[in-house]
Amino acid sequence: MTSQATAGTSPCDYQLWDILVESAKERTTIRYSKLARQAGLEQCQDELRTLLQRIRMYCTENNLPILSAIVVDDVGKYTGLSSSLPDAPWERARVFDHAWTALH
């Protein structure tokens, strides 16, 4: 991996990617708090946001569906792309239909 989005990739990046890929394969969204808990980042919300941004950048740079699009807030509202893009069910559909693989 040589892109800017994955420069300095940590084990946590891979763990977060794998959690999201598993959810995508199951065709389910994942709540932000559940993702934080599974990744061991419950006390590191800023780091989780940064990692989700890096995943979004990686997907964009590699012409992949935006994997972070399946992350929702704790009331189920879609929050995975950015504040400039409203709820985008078409992107979630692309994520669910993609044949995801592990990064490592």
C-alpha atoms as a PDB file:
ATOM      1  CA  MET A   1       0.000   0.000   0.000  1.00  0.00           C
ATOM      2  CA  THR A   2       1.533   3.237  -1.085  1.00  0.00           C
ATOM      3  CA  SER A   3      -1.311   5.754  -1.047  1.00  0.00           C
ATOM      4  CA  GLN A   4      -1.398   8.753   1.258  1.00  0.00           C
ATOM      5  CA  ALA A   5      -4.443   7.328   3.034  1.00  0.00           C
ATOM      6  CA  THR A   6      -2.585   4.222   4.121  1.00  0.00           C
ATOM      7  CA  ALA A   7       0.819   5.757   4.858  1.00  0.00           C
ATOM      8  CA  GLY A   8       1.759   4.805   8.406  1.00  0.00           C
ATOM      9  CA  THR A   9      -1.021   2.229   8.603  1.00  0.00           C
ATOM     10  CA  SER A  10      -1.338   0.732  12.075  1.00  0.00           C
ATOM     11  CA  PRO A  11      -2.772  -2.599  13.251  1.00  0.00           C
ATOM     12  CA  CYS A  12      -5.814  -0.625  14.389  1.00  0.00           C
ATOM     13  CA  ASP A  13      -6.443   0.464  10.771  1.00  0.00           C
ATOM     14  CA  TYR A  14      -6.532  -3.164   9.704  1.00  0.00           C
ATOM     15  CA  GLN A  15      -8.738  -4.146  12.628  1.00  0.00           C
ATOM     16  CA  LEU A  16     -11.228  -1.385  11.841  1.00  0.00           C
ATOM     17  CA  TRP A  17     -11.186  -2.331   8.146  1.00  0.00           C
ATOM     18  CA  ASP A  18     -11.843  -5.988   9.008  1.00  0.00           C
ATOM     19  CA  ILE A  19     -14.757  -5.089  11.308  1.00  0.00           C
ATOM     20  CA  LEU A  20     -16.327  -2.946   8.581  1.00  0.00           C
ATOM     21  CA  VAL A  21     -15.738  -5.587   5.906  1.00  0.00           C
ATOM     22  CA  GLU A  22     -17.440  -8.203   8.085  1.00  0.00           C
ATOM     23  CA  SER A  23     -20.457  -5.918   8.535  1.00  0.00           C
ATOM     24  CA  ALA A  24     -20.547  -5.234   4.790  1.00  0.00           C
ATOM     25  CA  LYS A  25     -20.460  -8.952   4.014  1.00  0.00           C
ATOM     26  CA  GLU A  26     -23.381  -9.414   6.404  1.00  0.00           C
ATOM     27  CA  ARG A  27     -25.124  -6.492   4.626  1.00  0.00           C
ATOM     28  CA  THR A  28     -25.599  -4.616   7.905  1.00  0.00           C
ATOM     29  CA  THR A  29     -24.795  -1.156   9.133  1.00  0.00           C
ATOM     30  CA  ILE A  30     -22.786  -0.815  12.318  1.00  0.00           C
ATOM     31  CA  ARG A  31     -23.376   1.682  15.098  1.00  0.00           C
ATOM     32  CA  TYR A  32     -20.519   4.027  15.934  1.00  0.00           C
ATOM     33  CA  SER A  33     -20.451   2.915  19.578  1.00  0.00           C
ATOM     34  CA  LYS A  34     -20.341  -0.786  18.639  1.00  0.00           C
ATOM     35  CA  LEU A  35     -17.511  -0.123  16.191  1.00  0.00           C
ATOM     36  CA  ALA A  36     -15.585   1.810  18.859  1.00  0.00           C
ATOM     37  CA  ARG A  37     -16.090  -1.037  21.349  1.00  0.00           C
ATOM     38  CA  GLN A  38     -15.053  -3.763  18.898  1.00  0.00           C
ATOM     39  CA  ALA A  39     -11.956  -1.798  17.854  1.00  0.00           C
ATOM     40  CA  GLY A  40     -11.031  -0.983  21.457  1.00  0.00           C
ATOM     41  CA  LEU A  41     -11.411   2.754  20.832  1.00  0.00           C
ATOM     42  CA  GLU A  42     -14.242   3.604  23.215  1.00  0.00           C
ATOM     43  CA  GLN A  43     -12.098   6.229  24.934  1.00  0.00           C
ATOM     44  CA  CYS A  44     -10.484   7.463  21.693  1.00  0.00           C
ATOM     45  CA  GLN A  45     -13.290   9.034  19.665  1.00  0.00           C
ATOM     46  CA  ASP A  46     -10.947  11.410  17.813  1.00  0.00           C
ATOM     47  CA  GLU A  47      -8.760   8.511  16.727  1.00  0.00           C
ATOM     48  CA  LEU A  48     -11.801   6.563  15.532  1.00  0.00           C
ATOM     49  CA  ARG A  49     -12.967   9.534  13.444  1.00  0.00           C
ATOM     50  CA  THR A  50      -9.472   9.891  11.971  1.00  0.00           C
ATOM     51  CA  LEU A  51      -9.329   6.193  11.098  1.00  0.00           C
ATOM     52  CA  LEU A  52     -12.760   6.340   9.445  1.00  0.00           C
ATOM     53  CA  GLN A  53     -11.588   9.340   7.403  1.00  0.00           C
ATOM     54  CA  ARG A  54      -8.512   7.400   6.315  1.00  0.00           C
ATOM     55  CA  ILE A  55     -10.695   4.488   5.233  1.00  0.00           C
ATOM     56  CA  ARG A  56     -12.879   6.897   3.269  1.00  0.00           C
ATOM     57  CA  MET A  57      -9.788   8.391   1.610  1.00  0.00           C
ATOM     58  CA  TYR A  58      -8.415   4.954   0.782  1.00  0.00           C
ATOM     59  CA  CYS A  59     -11.711   3.882  -0.777  1.00  0.00           C
ATOM     60  CA  THR A  60     -11.947   7.098  -2.783  1.00  0.00           C
ATOM     61  CA  GLU A  61      -8.328   6.854  -3.999  1.00  0.00           C
ATOM     62  CA  ASN A  62      -8.847   3.240  -5.065  1.00  0.00           C
ATOM     63  CA  ASN A  63     -12.278   3.682  -6.670  1.00  0.00           C
ATOM     64  CA  LEU A  64     -13.951   1.483  -4.079  1.00  0.00           C
ATOM     65  CA  PRO A  65     -17.361   1.984  -2.494  1.00  0.00           C
ATOM     66  CA  ILE A  66     -16.906   4.076   0.646  1.00  0.00           C
ATOM     67  CA  LEU A  67     -16.724   1.380   3.309  1.00  0.00           C
ATOM     68  CA  SER A  68     -17.269   3.838   6.160  1.00  0.00           C
ATOM     69  CA  ALA A  69     -20.701   4.613   4.683  1.00  0.00           C
ATOM     70  CA  ILE A  70     -22.154   1.742   6.702  1.00  0.00           C
ATOM     71  CA  VAL A  71     -21.305   3.421  10.020  1.00  0.00           C
ATOM     72  CA  VAL A  72     -24.354   4.976  11.689  1.00  0.00           C
ATOM     73  CA  ASP A  73     -24.779   6.986  14.869  1.00  0.00           C
ATOM     74  CA  ASP A  74     -26.326   5.437  17.954  1.00  0.00           C
ATOM     75  CA  VAL A  75     -29.898   6.176  16.897  1.00  0.00           C
ATOM     76  CA  GLY A  76     -29.334   4.530  13.525  1.00  0.00           C
ATOM     77  CA  LYS A  77     -28.924   7.724  11.525  1.00  0.00           C
ATOM     78  CA  TYR A  78     -26.493   7.438   8.664  1.00  0.00           C
ATOM     79  CA  THR A  79     -23.262   9.334   9.334  1.00  0.00           C
ATOM     80  CA  GLY A  80     -20.552   7.485   7.433  1.00  0.00           C
ATOM     81  CA  LEU A  81     -19.667   9.761   4.517  1.00  0.00           C
ATOM     82  CA  SER A  82     -19.359  13.374   5.535  1.00  0.00           C
ATOM     83  CA  SER A  83     -21.465  16.310   6.569  1.00  0.00           C
ATOM     84  CA  SER A  84     -21.494  17.488   2.942  1.00  0.00           C
ATOM     85  CA  LEU A  85     -23.336  14.366   1.801  1.00  0.00           C
ATOM     86  CA  PRO A  86     -26.759  13.597   3.224  1.00  0.00           C
ATOM     87  CA  ASP A  87     -28.037  10.094   3.858  1.00  0.00           C
ATOM     88  CA  ALA A  88     -26.824   8.090   0.874  1.00  0.00           C
ATOM     89  CA  PRO A  89     -28.477   4.673   0.704  1.00  0.00           C
ATOM     90  CA  TRP A  90     -27.054   4.144  -2.789  1.00  0.00           C
ATOM     91  CA  GLU A  91     -23.529   4.201  -1.342  1.00  0.00           C
ATOM     92  CA  ARG A  92     -24.459   1.650   1.311  1.00  0.00           C
ATOM     93  CA  ALA A  93     -25.889  -0.546  -1.455  1.00  0.00           C
ATOM     94  CA  ARG A  94     -22.588  -0.287  -3.327  1.00  0.00           C
ATOM     95  CA  VAL A  95     -20.729  -1.239  -0.132  1.00  0.00           C
ATOM     96  CA  PHE A  96     -22.995  -4.240   0.453  1.00  0.00           C
ATOM     97  CA  ASP A  97     -22.649  -5.422  -3.173  1.00  0.00           C
ATOM     98  CA  HIS A  98     -18.842  -5.152  -3.321  1.00  0.00           C
ATOM     99  CA  ALA A  99     -16.598  -8.231  -2.893  1.00  0.00           C
ATOM    100  CA  TRP A 100     -14.474  -6.977   0.022  1.00  0.00           C
ATOM    101  CA  THR A 101     -11.150  -8.456   1.051  1.00  0.00           C
ATOM    102  CA  ALA A 102      -8.792  -7.904   3.960  1.00  0.00           C
ATOM    103  CA  LEU A 103      -6.088  -5.267   3.569  1.00  0.00           C
ATOM    104  CA  HIS A 104      -3.334  -7.440   5.037  1.00  0.00           C
END
